[in-house]
């Protein structure tokens, strides 16, 4: 079922990531980690649907998305980044396999943070802290880190920030490779969450499988 939403507010989070807040249709329900197919409500764009994750709390009065613009892609996210209050979008019913399955290690790359952000926010709201959760968040440069201050303030969350192209204070320089995983003090018998660019997901899932992380303990989209 399709729903037409009106943009209430848009604010920049980084140089290429926007937070968009919309009105919420009556009775529209989702669970943390889920996404929807999203299109601009304008001529020539309504069939250009893209998946985006909800980053608002499930019981919030509004719907919120955190969207990274890719000007070099097909133009949809670039258009989204230029939206103004009052502009319309069309969303479908929620879907997705990513959900909160309890404490564990979250591995996210870039905009792959968004389903995990929803899970972390909801867990903090319901439990008061994030004890037992660890977030390994990989980006290219420091300016690419989405909502760093919010993540650093989350009570109980163990946060590891990795940068592949910069070496700055408070971050680890490198990638999520075999050496990193083996030296990070991880418990490979626990639950792992994974979301990021497809090549990264493929590499990391292979590395985790080699370390005994079975499919039933790996939360990701399939």
N, C-alpha and C. Protein backbone atom coordinates (compact mmCIF):
# COMPACT_ATOMS: atom_id res chain seq x y z
N UNK A 1 0.84 -1.20 0.00
CA UNK A 1 0.00 0.00 0.00
C UNK A 1 0.88 1.25 0.00
N UNK A 2 0.54 2.21 -0.82
CA UNK A 2 1.33 3.44 -0.93
C UNK A 2 0.78 4.52 0.00
N UNK A 3 1.69 5.36 0.48
CA UNK A 3 1.32 6.49 1.33
C UNK A 3 2.08 7.72 0.84
N UNK A 4 1.38 8.83 0.72
CA UNK A 4 2.03 10.08 0.32
C UNK A 4 2.30 10.92 1.57
N UNK A 5 3.55 11.33 1.73
CA UNK A 5 3.97 12.08 2.90
C UNK A 5 4.42 13.48 2.49
N UNK A 6 4.33 14.40 3.43
CA UNK A 6 4.80 15.77 3.21
C UNK A 6 6.00 16.04 4.10
N UNK A 7 7.06 16.58 3.50
CA UNK A 7 8.28 16.87 4.25
C UNK A 7 8.04 18.02 5.23
N UNK A 8 8.32 17.74 6.51
CA UNK A 8 8.16 18.75 7.55
C UNK A 8 9.45 19.54 7.77
N UNK A 9 10.59 18.83 7.72
CA UNK A 9 11.87 19.50 7.98
C UNK A 9 13.00 18.68 7.37
N UNK A 10 14.08 19.36 7.01
CA UNK A 10 15.28 18.71 6.52
C UNK A 10 16.48 19.43 7.14
N UNK A 11 17.45 18.65 7.63
CA UNK A 11 18.64 19.27 8.20
C UNK A 11 19.87 18.45 7.83
N UNK A 12 20.98 19.14 7.57
CA UNK A 12 22.21 18.42 7.22
C UNK A 12 22.86 17.82 8.47
N UNK A 13 23.34 16.58 8.34
CA UNK A 13 24.07 15.92 9.42
C UNK A 13 25.57 15.87 9.12
N UNK A 14 25.90 15.68 7.84
CA UNK A 14 27.29 15.76 7.37
C UNK A 14 27.26 16.50 6.03
N UNK A 15 28.41 16.52 5.35
CA UNK A 15 28.48 17.22 4.07
C UNK A 15 27.59 16.57 3.00
N UNK A 16 27.19 15.31 3.19
CA UNK A 16 26.36 14.65 2.18
C UNK A 16 25.26 13.77 2.77
N UNK A 17 24.90 13.99 4.02
CA UNK A 17 23.83 13.23 4.67
C UNK A 17 22.80 14.20 5.24
N UNK A 18 21.54 13.92 4.94
CA UNK A 18 20.44 14.76 5.41
C UNK A 18 19.51 13.94 6.30
N UNK A 19 18.94 14.60 7.29
CA UNK A 19 17.88 14.01 8.10
C UNK A 19 16.56 14.63 7.66
N UNK A 20 15.62 13.79 7.22
CA UNK A 20 14.35 14.25 6.71
C UNK A 20 13.22 13.78 7.62
N UNK A 21 12.36 14.71 8.01
CA UNK A 21 11.24 14.41 8.90
C UNK A 21 9.93 14.65 8.16
N UNK A 22 9.05 13.66 8.21
CA UNK A 22 7.77 13.70 7.50
C UNK A 22 6.62 13.50 8.46
N UNK A 23 5.42 13.90 8.01
CA UNK A 23 4.22 13.53 8.74
C UNK A 23 4.07 12.01 8.67
N UNK A 24 3.31 11.45 9.60
CA UNK A 24 3.16 10.00 9.67
C UNK A 24 1.72 9.60 9.40
N UNK A 25 1.50 8.70 8.44
CA UNK A 25 0.13 8.27 8.15
C UNK A 25 -0.49 7.55 9.35
N UNK A 26 -1.77 7.72 9.55
CA UNK A 26 -2.46 7.03 10.63
C UNK A 26 -2.32 5.53 10.46
N UNK A 27 -1.94 4.86 11.53
CA UNK A 27 -1.87 3.41 11.52
C UNK A 27 -0.63 2.83 10.86
N UNK A 28 0.30 3.67 10.45
CA UNK A 28 1.52 3.15 9.80
C UNK A 28 2.48 2.65 10.87
N UNK A 29 2.81 1.37 10.80
CA UNK A 29 3.65 0.75 11.83
C UNK A 29 4.91 0.15 11.21
N UNK A 30 6.03 0.23 11.94
CA UNK A 30 7.27 -0.43 11.53
C UNK A 30 8.04 -0.83 12.78
N UNK A 31 9.01 -1.70 12.61
CA UNK A 31 9.87 -2.08 13.72
C UNK A 31 11.28 -1.56 13.45
N UNK A 32 12.06 -1.28 14.50
CA UNK A 32 13.40 -0.75 14.33
C UNK A 32 14.26 -1.65 13.43
N UNK A 33 14.90 -1.02 12.44
CA UNK A 33 15.72 -1.76 11.48
C UNK A 33 15.04 -1.94 10.14
N UNK A 34 13.72 -1.74 10.09
CA UNK A 34 13.01 -1.93 8.83
C UNK A 34 13.19 -0.73 7.90
N UNK A 35 12.93 -0.99 6.62
CA UNK A 35 13.03 0.03 5.57
C UNK A 35 11.72 0.09 4.81
N UNK A 36 11.66 1.02 3.85
CA UNK A 36 10.52 1.11 2.95
C UNK A 36 11.03 1.53 1.58
N UNK A 37 10.24 1.27 0.55
CA UNK A 37 10.55 1.78 -0.79
C UNK A 37 10.02 3.20 -0.87
N UNK A 38 10.85 4.10 -1.34
CA UNK A 38 10.67 5.54 -1.19
C UNK A 38 10.86 6.19 -2.55
N UNK A 39 9.94 7.07 -2.95
CA UNK A 39 10.06 7.77 -4.23
C UNK A 39 9.60 9.21 -4.07
N UNK A 40 10.12 10.07 -4.92
CA UNK A 40 9.70 11.46 -4.93
C UNK A 40 8.34 11.58 -5.60
N UNK A 41 7.46 12.37 -5.01
CA UNK A 41 6.11 12.56 -5.56
C UNK A 41 6.12 13.73 -6.55
N UNK A 42 6.74 13.47 -7.69
CA UNK A 42 6.78 14.48 -8.74
C UNK A 42 6.92 13.78 -10.09
N UNK A 43 6.50 14.45 -11.14
CA UNK A 43 6.52 13.86 -12.47
C UNK A 43 7.93 13.41 -12.84
N UNK A 44 8.01 12.20 -13.37
CA UNK A 44 9.29 11.67 -13.82
C UNK A 44 10.08 10.94 -12.75
N UNK A 45 9.58 10.98 -11.50
CA UNK A 45 10.33 10.38 -10.40
C UNK A 45 9.55 9.35 -9.61
N UNK A 46 8.25 9.25 -9.82
CA UNK A 46 7.43 8.38 -8.95
C UNK A 46 7.78 6.91 -9.07
N UNK A 47 8.31 6.50 -10.20
CA UNK A 47 8.68 5.09 -10.38
C UNK A 47 10.12 4.81 -9.96
N UNK A 48 10.86 5.85 -9.60
CA UNK A 48 12.27 5.70 -9.20
C UNK A 48 12.33 5.42 -7.70
N UNK A 49 11.97 4.21 -7.30
CA UNK A 49 11.90 3.87 -5.88
C UNK A 49 13.26 3.41 -5.37
N UNK A 50 13.58 3.81 -4.14
CA UNK A 50 14.84 3.41 -3.51
C UNK A 50 14.54 2.99 -2.06
N UNK A 51 15.27 2.02 -1.53
CA UNK A 51 15.03 1.60 -0.15
C UNK A 51 15.73 2.51 0.85
N UNK A 52 14.99 2.97 1.84
CA UNK A 52 15.58 3.75 2.92
C UNK A 52 15.02 3.27 4.25
N UNK A 53 15.84 3.38 5.28
CA UNK A 53 15.49 2.88 6.60
C UNK A 53 14.89 3.98 7.46
N UNK A 54 13.90 3.62 8.25
CA UNK A 54 13.36 4.56 9.23
C UNK A 54 14.39 4.76 10.34
N UNK A 55 14.62 6.01 10.75
CA UNK A 55 15.51 6.26 11.87
C UNK A 55 14.81 6.93 13.04
N UNK A 56 13.50 7.11 12.92
CA UNK A 56 12.72 7.61 14.06
C UNK A 56 12.31 6.43 14.93
N UNK A 57 11.85 6.74 16.13
CA UNK A 57 11.36 5.70 17.02
C UNK A 57 10.01 5.18 16.50
N UNK A 58 9.70 3.90 16.74
CA UNK A 58 8.47 3.32 16.20
C UNK A 58 7.20 4.00 16.69
N UNK A 59 7.24 4.62 17.88
CA UNK A 59 6.04 5.25 18.40
C UNK A 59 6.05 6.78 18.26
N UNK A 60 7.00 7.31 17.48
CA UNK A 60 7.08 8.76 17.30
C UNK A 60 5.91 9.27 16.46
N UNK A 61 5.61 10.55 16.60
CA UNK A 61 4.50 11.14 15.85
C UNK A 61 4.85 11.36 14.39
N UNK A 62 6.14 11.34 14.08
CA UNK A 62 6.60 11.59 12.72
C UNK A 62 7.38 10.38 12.20
N UNK A 63 7.68 10.39 10.91
CA UNK A 63 8.60 9.43 10.31
C UNK A 63 9.87 10.17 9.92
N UNK A 64 10.99 9.54 10.18
CA UNK A 64 12.27 10.20 9.91
C UNK A 64 13.18 9.24 9.14
N UNK A 65 13.93 9.82 8.21
CA UNK A 65 14.91 9.07 7.43
C UNK A 65 16.24 9.83 7.46
N UNK A 66 17.32 9.08 7.45
CA UNK A 66 18.65 9.67 7.39
C UNK A 66 19.27 9.17 6.09
N UNK A 67 19.45 10.08 5.12
CA UNK A 67 19.73 9.68 3.74
C UNK A 67 21.01 10.34 3.24
N UNK A 68 21.87 9.51 2.68
CA UNK A 68 23.12 9.98 2.09
C UNK A 68 22.92 10.26 0.61
N UNK A 69 23.39 11.41 0.15
CA UNK A 69 23.27 11.78 -1.26
C UNK A 69 24.47 11.28 -2.05
N UNK A 70 24.19 10.73 -3.21
CA UNK A 70 25.25 10.26 -4.11
C UNK A 70 25.08 10.97 -5.45
N UNK A 71 25.66 12.16 -5.61
CA UNK A 71 25.48 12.90 -6.86
C UNK A 71 25.94 12.15 -8.10
N UNK A 72 26.86 11.21 -7.93
CA UNK A 72 27.37 10.47 -9.08
C UNK A 72 26.46 9.32 -9.49
N UNK A 73 25.43 9.04 -8.69
CA UNK A 73 24.53 7.94 -9.01
C UNK A 73 23.44 8.44 -9.97
N UNK A 74 22.25 7.87 -9.86
CA UNK A 74 21.22 8.15 -10.85
C UNK A 74 20.40 9.40 -10.57
N UNK A 75 20.76 10.14 -9.53
CA UNK A 75 20.10 11.41 -9.30
C UNK A 75 19.02 11.41 -8.25
N UNK A 76 18.54 10.24 -7.80
CA UNK A 76 17.45 10.21 -6.83
C UNK A 76 17.90 10.78 -5.49
N UNK A 77 19.01 10.27 -4.96
CA UNK A 77 19.44 10.78 -3.65
C UNK A 77 19.91 12.23 -3.75
N UNK A 78 20.44 12.62 -4.89
CA UNK A 78 20.81 14.02 -5.08
C UNK A 78 19.58 14.91 -5.00
N UNK A 79 18.49 14.47 -5.64
CA UNK A 79 17.23 15.21 -5.58
C UNK A 79 16.69 15.27 -4.15
N UNK A 80 16.79 14.16 -3.43
CA UNK A 80 16.30 14.11 -2.05
C UNK A 80 17.04 15.13 -1.20
N UNK A 81 18.36 15.24 -1.41
CA UNK A 81 19.16 16.18 -0.63
C UNK A 81 18.78 17.63 -0.86
N UNK A 82 18.08 17.91 -1.94
CA UNK A 82 17.69 19.29 -2.27
C UNK A 82 16.22 19.56 -1.97
N UNK A 83 15.55 18.62 -1.29
CA UNK A 83 14.13 18.82 -0.99
C UNK A 83 13.91 19.96 -0.01
N UNK A 84 12.69 20.51 -0.06
CA UNK A 84 12.31 21.60 0.84
C UNK A 84 11.02 21.23 1.55
N UNK A 85 10.78 21.86 2.70
CA UNK A 85 9.57 21.60 3.46
C UNK A 85 8.34 21.76 2.56
N UNK A 86 7.43 20.82 2.68
CA UNK A 86 6.22 20.82 1.86
C UNK A 86 6.31 19.89 0.66
N UNK A 87 7.52 19.50 0.27
CA UNK A 87 7.66 18.56 -0.84
C UNK A 87 7.10 17.19 -0.44
N UNK A 88 6.64 16.44 -1.43
CA UNK A 88 6.01 15.16 -1.15
C UNK A 88 6.85 13.97 -1.58
N UNK A 89 6.67 12.87 -0.87
CA UNK A 89 7.27 11.60 -1.25
C UNK A 89 6.21 10.51 -1.12
N UNK A 90 6.49 9.38 -1.75
CA UNK A 90 5.60 8.23 -1.68
C UNK A 90 6.38 7.08 -1.05
N UNK A 91 5.81 6.47 -0.02
CA UNK A 91 6.44 5.29 0.58
C UNK A 91 5.48 4.11 0.52
N UNK A 92 6.07 2.91 0.61
CA UNK A 92 5.28 1.68 0.60
C UNK A 92 5.25 1.10 2.02
N UNK A 93 4.73 -0.10 2.14
CA UNK A 93 4.72 -0.77 3.44
C UNK A 93 6.14 -1.10 3.88
N UNK A 94 6.40 -1.17 5.18
CA UNK A 94 7.75 -1.46 5.68
C UNK A 94 8.15 -2.92 5.40
N UNK A 95 9.46 -3.15 5.29
CA UNK A 95 9.98 -4.49 5.07
C UNK A 95 11.41 -4.55 5.62
N UNK A 96 11.96 -5.72 5.71
CA UNK A 96 13.36 -5.86 6.08
C UNK A 96 13.61 -6.95 7.10
N UNK A 97 14.80 -7.54 7.03
CA UNK A 97 15.19 -8.63 7.91
C UNK A 97 16.02 -8.17 9.10
N UNK A 98 16.45 -6.91 9.09
CA UNK A 98 17.27 -6.41 10.19
C UNK A 98 16.36 -6.04 11.36
N UNK A 99 16.64 -6.62 12.52
CA UNK A 99 15.85 -6.33 13.71
C UNK A 99 16.74 -6.50 14.94
N UNK A 100 16.28 -5.99 16.06
CA UNK A 100 17.03 -6.09 17.30
C UNK A 100 16.90 -7.50 17.86
N UNK A 101 18.00 -8.23 17.89
CA UNK A 101 18.01 -9.57 18.47
C UNK A 101 18.85 -9.62 19.74
N UNK A 102 18.97 -8.46 20.38
CA UNK A 102 19.67 -8.42 21.65
C UNK A 102 21.12 -8.01 21.53
N UNK A 103 21.81 -7.94 22.67
CA UNK A 103 23.20 -7.47 22.68
C UNK A 103 24.09 -8.23 21.71
N UNK A 104 25.06 -7.52 21.17
CA UNK A 104 26.00 -8.10 20.22
C UNK A 104 26.85 -7.02 19.60
N UNK A 105 27.55 -7.38 18.55
CA UNK A 105 28.44 -6.45 17.85
C UNK A 105 27.83 -6.02 16.54
N UNK A 106 27.73 -4.72 16.36
CA UNK A 106 27.18 -4.13 15.14
C UNK A 106 28.35 -3.65 14.28
N UNK A 107 28.40 -4.09 13.04
CA UNK A 107 29.42 -3.64 12.10
C UNK A 107 28.71 -2.89 10.98
N UNK A 108 28.99 -1.60 10.86
CA UNK A 108 28.30 -0.76 9.89
C UNK A 108 29.31 0.05 9.08
N UNK A 109 29.00 0.24 7.82
CA UNK A 109 29.83 1.06 6.96
C UNK A 109 29.02 2.18 6.35
N UNK A 110 29.44 3.44 6.57
CA UNK A 110 28.78 4.58 5.97
C UNK A 110 27.31 4.66 6.29
N UNK A 111 26.48 4.79 5.23
CA UNK A 111 25.03 4.89 5.42
C UNK A 111 24.42 3.59 5.92
N UNK A 112 25.22 2.52 6.00
CA UNK A 112 24.75 1.28 6.60
C UNK A 112 24.48 1.42 8.10
N UNK A 113 24.82 2.59 8.65
CA UNK A 113 24.49 2.86 10.05
C UNK A 113 22.98 2.97 10.26
N UNK A 114 22.23 3.37 9.24
CA UNK A 114 20.85 3.81 9.49
C UNK A 114 19.94 2.76 10.12
N UNK A 115 19.92 1.49 9.65
CA UNK A 115 19.05 0.54 10.37
C UNK A 115 19.53 0.28 11.79
N UNK A 116 20.85 0.36 11.99
CA UNK A 116 21.41 0.15 13.32
C UNK A 116 21.09 1.33 14.24
N UNK A 117 21.05 2.52 13.66
CA UNK A 117 20.70 3.71 14.43
C UNK A 117 19.28 3.59 14.98
N UNK A 118 18.38 3.11 14.15
CA UNK A 118 17.00 2.90 14.60
C UNK A 118 16.94 1.90 15.75
N UNK A 119 17.68 0.80 15.62
CA UNK A 119 17.71 -0.22 16.67
C UNK A 119 18.30 0.34 17.96
N UNK A 120 19.41 1.05 17.86
CA UNK A 120 20.07 1.59 19.05
C UNK A 120 19.19 2.63 19.75
N UNK A 121 18.57 3.51 18.98
CA UNK A 121 17.70 4.53 19.57
C UNK A 121 16.52 3.89 20.30
N UNK A 122 15.91 2.91 19.65
CA UNK A 122 14.74 2.26 20.27
C UNK A 122 15.14 1.47 21.51
N UNK A 123 16.27 0.79 21.44
CA UNK A 123 16.74 0.01 22.60
C UNK A 123 17.05 0.94 23.77
N UNK A 124 17.70 2.06 23.49
CA UNK A 124 18.00 3.01 24.55
C UNK A 124 16.72 3.56 25.16
N UNK A 125 15.73 3.85 24.32
CA UNK A 125 14.47 4.39 24.81
C UNK A 125 13.73 3.40 25.70
N UNK A 126 13.82 2.11 25.36
CA UNK A 126 13.06 1.11 26.11
C UNK A 126 13.80 0.56 27.32
N UNK A 127 15.14 0.52 27.25
CA UNK A 127 15.94 -0.10 28.32
C UNK A 127 16.77 0.90 29.12
N UNK A 128 16.95 2.10 28.59
CA UNK A 128 17.72 3.12 29.31
C UNK A 128 19.20 3.10 29.01
N UNK A 129 19.72 1.99 28.53
CA UNK A 129 21.14 1.92 28.18
C UNK A 129 21.33 0.87 27.10
N UNK A 130 22.58 0.79 26.62
CA UNK A 130 22.93 -0.13 25.54
C UNK A 130 24.03 -1.09 26.00
N UNK A 131 23.97 -1.47 27.25
CA UNK A 131 24.97 -2.42 27.78
C UNK A 131 24.96 -3.70 26.94
N UNK A 132 26.14 -4.13 26.54
CA UNK A 132 26.27 -5.34 25.75
C UNK A 132 26.29 -5.12 24.25
N UNK A 133 26.07 -3.88 23.83
CA UNK A 133 26.11 -3.55 22.40
C UNK A 133 27.44 -2.86 22.07
N UNK A 134 28.03 -3.27 20.98
CA UNK A 134 29.26 -2.63 20.49
C UNK A 134 29.05 -2.26 19.04
N UNK A 135 29.39 -1.04 18.68
CA UNK A 135 29.25 -0.56 17.31
C UNK A 135 30.63 -0.32 16.72
N UNK A 136 30.95 -1.05 15.67
CA UNK A 136 32.16 -0.82 14.87
C UNK A 136 31.70 -0.10 13.61
N UNK A 137 32.05 1.16 13.49
CA UNK A 137 31.50 2.04 12.45
C UNK A 137 32.64 2.52 11.55
N UNK A 138 32.59 2.09 10.29
CA UNK A 138 33.66 2.37 9.34
C UNK A 138 33.25 3.45 8.34
N UNK A 139 34.16 4.40 8.12
CA UNK A 139 33.95 5.46 7.14
C UNK A 139 35.28 5.77 6.46
N UNK A 140 35.21 6.58 5.41
CA UNK A 140 36.44 6.97 4.72
C UNK A 140 37.19 8.04 5.50
N UNK A 141 36.46 9.12 5.86
CA UNK A 141 37.09 10.27 6.52
C UNK A 141 36.25 10.71 7.72
N UNK A 142 36.88 11.51 8.57
CA UNK A 142 36.20 11.95 9.78
C UNK A 142 34.92 12.71 9.47
N UNK A 143 34.93 13.51 8.41
CA UNK A 143 33.74 14.31 8.07
C UNK A 143 32.57 13.44 7.60
N UNK A 144 32.83 12.17 7.32
CA UNK A 144 31.77 11.27 6.87
C UNK A 144 31.01 10.61 8.02
N UNK A 145 31.49 10.74 9.25
CA UNK A 145 30.87 10.05 10.38
C UNK A 145 29.49 10.65 10.68
N UNK A 146 28.47 9.84 10.57
CA UNK A 146 27.10 10.30 10.80
C UNK A 146 26.79 10.30 12.30
N UNK A 147 26.32 11.44 12.80
CA UNK A 147 25.83 11.57 14.18
C UNK A 147 26.84 11.07 15.22
N UNK A 148 28.09 11.44 15.03
CA UNK A 148 29.13 10.98 15.94
C UNK A 148 28.85 11.36 17.39
N UNK A 149 28.42 12.60 17.62
CA UNK A 149 28.19 13.05 18.99
C UNK A 149 27.07 12.26 19.64
N UNK A 150 26.02 11.97 18.91
CA UNK A 150 24.92 11.18 19.48
C UNK A 150 25.41 9.78 19.83
N UNK A 151 26.16 9.17 18.94
CA UNK A 151 26.67 7.82 19.19
C UNK A 151 27.58 7.80 20.42
N UNK A 152 28.42 8.82 20.56
CA UNK A 152 29.35 8.87 21.69
C UNK A 152 28.61 9.09 23.01
N UNK A 153 27.42 9.65 22.96
CA UNK A 153 26.65 9.91 24.18
C UNK A 153 25.76 8.74 24.58
N UNK A 154 25.58 7.78 23.71
CA UNK A 154 24.65 6.68 24.02
C UNK A 154 25.17 5.87 25.20
N UNK A 155 24.41 5.80 26.29
CA UNK A 155 24.89 5.14 27.50
C UNK A 155 25.08 3.64 27.29
N UNK A 156 26.27 3.16 27.65
CA UNK A 156 26.55 1.73 27.58
C UNK A 156 27.06 1.24 26.24
N UNK A 157 26.98 2.06 25.19
CA UNK A 157 27.42 1.62 23.87
C UNK A 157 28.94 1.69 23.76
N UNK A 158 29.56 0.57 23.41
CA UNK A 158 31.00 0.57 23.10
C UNK A 158 31.15 0.96 21.64
N UNK A 159 31.90 2.02 21.38
CA UNK A 159 31.97 2.59 20.03
C UNK A 159 33.40 2.54 19.50
N UNK A 160 33.55 1.92 18.33
CA UNK A 160 34.83 1.89 17.62
C UNK A 160 34.65 2.62 16.30
N UNK A 161 35.40 3.69 16.08
CA UNK A 161 35.32 4.44 14.83
C UNK A 161 36.54 4.13 13.98
N UNK A 162 36.32 3.66 12.77
CA UNK A 162 37.40 3.34 11.84
C UNK A 162 37.36 4.28 10.65
N UNK A 163 38.52 4.75 10.23
CA UNK A 163 38.64 5.59 9.04
C UNK A 163 39.65 4.96 8.10
N UNK A 164 39.24 4.74 6.86
CA UNK A 164 40.12 4.09 5.90
C UNK A 164 41.10 5.05 5.24
N UNK A 165 40.75 6.35 5.19
CA UNK A 165 41.57 7.30 4.45
C UNK A 165 42.22 8.37 5.32
N UNK A 166 41.96 8.35 6.61
CA UNK A 166 42.54 9.35 7.51
C UNK A 166 42.99 8.68 8.79
N UNK A 167 43.93 9.31 9.45
CA UNK A 167 44.40 8.84 10.76
C UNK A 167 44.25 10.00 11.73
N UNK A 168 43.15 10.02 12.50
CA UNK A 168 42.87 11.13 13.40
C UNK A 168 42.70 10.63 14.82
N UNK A 169 42.85 11.53 15.75
CA UNK A 169 42.75 11.17 17.16
C UNK A 169 41.34 10.65 17.47
N UNK A 170 41.28 9.58 18.25
CA UNK A 170 40.00 9.02 18.65
C UNK A 170 39.42 8.03 17.66
N UNK A 171 40.15 7.74 16.59
CA UNK A 171 39.68 6.77 15.60
C UNK A 171 40.79 5.76 15.31
N UNK A 172 40.38 4.66 14.69
CA UNK A 172 41.34 3.64 14.27
C UNK A 172 41.54 3.78 12.77
N UNK A 173 42.78 3.85 12.32
CA UNK A 173 43.06 3.98 10.89
C UNK A 173 43.17 2.60 10.27
N UNK A 174 42.29 2.33 9.31
CA UNK A 174 42.33 1.04 8.65
C UNK A 174 40.95 0.58 8.23
N UNK A 175 40.86 -0.68 7.85
CA UNK A 175 39.61 -1.25 7.40
C UNK A 175 39.23 -2.44 8.28
N UNK A 176 38.00 -2.90 8.12
CA UNK A 176 37.54 -4.06 8.88
C UNK A 176 37.99 -5.31 8.13
N UNK A 177 39.22 -5.70 8.38
CA UNK A 177 39.79 -6.86 7.73
C UNK A 177 40.08 -7.95 8.77
N UNK A 178 40.74 -9.01 8.34
CA UNK A 178 41.02 -10.13 9.24
C UNK A 178 41.85 -9.69 10.44
N UNK A 179 42.88 -8.87 10.19
CA UNK A 179 43.74 -8.42 11.28
C UNK A 179 42.96 -7.60 12.30
N UNK A 180 42.07 -6.73 11.80
CA UNK A 180 41.28 -5.91 12.72
C UNK A 180 40.37 -6.78 13.56
N UNK A 181 39.64 -7.69 12.93
CA UNK A 181 38.71 -8.54 13.67
C UNK A 181 39.43 -9.40 14.70
N UNK A 182 40.58 -9.91 14.34
CA UNK A 182 41.32 -10.78 15.27
C UNK A 182 41.91 -10.00 16.44
N UNK A 183 42.12 -8.71 16.24
CA UNK A 183 42.73 -7.92 17.31
C UNK A 183 41.76 -7.07 18.10
N UNK A 184 40.46 -7.19 17.77
CA UNK A 184 39.47 -6.30 18.38
C UNK A 184 38.86 -6.85 19.66
N UNK A 185 39.27 -8.05 20.07
CA UNK A 185 38.73 -8.62 21.30
C UNK A 185 37.28 -9.01 21.21
N UNK A 186 36.86 -9.49 20.04
CA UNK A 186 35.46 -9.84 19.82
C UNK A 186 35.15 -11.25 20.32
N UNK A 187 33.91 -11.45 20.70
CA UNK A 187 33.41 -12.77 21.07
C UNK A 187 32.62 -13.31 19.88
N UNK A 188 33.21 -14.22 19.14
CA UNK A 188 32.57 -14.69 17.91
C UNK A 188 31.43 -15.67 18.17
N UNK A 189 31.10 -15.89 19.42
CA UNK A 189 29.94 -16.73 19.73
C UNK A 189 28.68 -15.90 19.96
N UNK A 190 28.79 -14.58 19.88
CA UNK A 190 27.63 -13.74 20.12
C UNK A 190 26.93 -13.36 18.82
N UNK A 191 25.93 -12.50 18.92
CA UNK A 191 25.18 -12.02 17.76
C UNK A 191 25.96 -10.91 17.06
N UNK A 192 25.96 -10.95 15.73
CA UNK A 192 26.58 -9.89 14.94
C UNK A 192 25.52 -9.28 14.01
N UNK A 193 25.60 -7.97 13.87
CA UNK A 193 24.74 -7.22 12.95
C UNK A 193 25.65 -6.63 11.87
N UNK A 194 25.17 -6.61 10.63
CA UNK A 194 26.03 -6.16 9.54
C UNK A 194 25.22 -5.38 8.51
N UNK A 195 25.69 -4.17 8.18
CA UNK A 195 25.08 -3.39 7.11
C UNK A 195 26.09 -2.39 6.57
N UNK A 196 26.23 -2.36 5.26
CA UNK A 196 27.17 -1.44 4.63
C UNK A 196 27.14 -1.63 3.13
N UNK A 197 28.08 -1.02 2.41
CA UNK A 197 28.15 -1.23 0.97
C UNK A 197 28.31 -2.71 0.66
N UNK A 198 27.69 -3.20 -0.42
CA UNK A 198 27.72 -4.64 -0.72
C UNK A 198 29.11 -5.28 -0.70
N UNK A 199 30.15 -4.67 -1.28
CA UNK A 199 31.47 -5.32 -1.22
C UNK A 199 31.97 -5.49 0.21
N UNK A 200 31.72 -4.49 1.05
CA UNK A 200 32.13 -4.58 2.45
C UNK A 200 31.35 -5.68 3.16
N UNK A 201 30.03 -5.71 2.95
CA UNK A 201 29.21 -6.75 3.59
C UNK A 201 29.69 -8.14 3.20
N UNK A 202 29.99 -8.32 1.94
CA UNK A 202 30.42 -9.64 1.47
C UNK A 202 31.74 -10.04 2.11
N UNK A 203 32.67 -9.09 2.15
CA UNK A 203 33.98 -9.39 2.74
C UNK A 203 33.86 -9.71 4.23
N UNK A 204 33.13 -8.86 4.96
CA UNK A 204 33.03 -9.03 6.40
C UNK A 204 32.24 -10.29 6.75
N UNK A 205 31.18 -10.58 6.02
CA UNK A 205 30.41 -11.79 6.32
C UNK A 205 31.26 -13.04 6.10
N UNK A 206 32.12 -13.02 5.08
CA UNK A 206 33.02 -14.15 4.83
C UNK A 206 34.02 -14.30 5.98
N UNK A 207 34.55 -13.17 6.44
CA UNK A 207 35.49 -13.20 7.56
C UNK A 207 34.82 -13.70 8.84
N UNK A 208 33.61 -13.27 9.08
CA UNK A 208 32.89 -13.70 10.28
C UNK A 208 32.58 -15.20 10.21
N UNK A 209 32.16 -15.66 9.04
CA UNK A 209 31.86 -17.09 8.88
C UNK A 209 33.09 -17.93 9.15
N UNK A 210 34.25 -17.44 8.71
CA UNK A 210 35.50 -18.18 8.93
C UNK A 210 35.87 -18.23 10.41
N UNK A 211 35.26 -17.33 11.19
CA UNK A 211 35.55 -17.29 12.63
C UNK A 211 34.40 -17.89 13.44
N UNK A 212 33.55 -18.63 12.76
CA UNK A 212 32.52 -19.40 13.46
C UNK A 212 31.19 -18.72 13.65
N UNK A 213 30.99 -17.55 13.03
CA UNK A 213 29.71 -16.87 13.17
C UNK A 213 28.73 -17.48 12.18
N UNK A 214 27.75 -18.22 12.68
CA UNK A 214 26.79 -18.91 11.81
C UNK A 214 25.74 -17.92 11.30
N UNK A 215 25.06 -18.31 10.23
CA UNK A 215 24.06 -17.44 9.61
C UNK A 215 22.96 -17.04 10.58
N UNK A 216 22.60 -17.93 11.49
CA UNK A 216 21.52 -17.61 12.42
C UNK A 216 21.93 -16.60 13.48
N UNK A 217 23.21 -16.31 13.56
CA UNK A 217 23.68 -15.28 14.50
C UNK A 217 24.18 -14.03 13.77
N UNK A 218 23.92 -13.94 12.46
CA UNK A 218 24.31 -12.78 11.67
C UNK A 218 23.04 -12.08 11.16
N UNK A 219 22.77 -10.89 11.68
CA UNK A 219 21.59 -10.13 11.33
C UNK A 219 21.95 -9.18 10.19
N UNK A 220 21.35 -9.40 9.02
CA UNK A 220 21.63 -8.57 7.85
C UNK A 220 20.51 -8.74 6.85
N UNK A 221 20.46 -7.87 5.83
CA UNK A 221 19.51 -8.06 4.74
C UNK A 221 20.03 -9.15 3.81
N UNK A 222 19.12 -9.90 3.23
CA UNK A 222 19.51 -10.97 2.32
C UNK A 222 18.94 -10.71 0.94
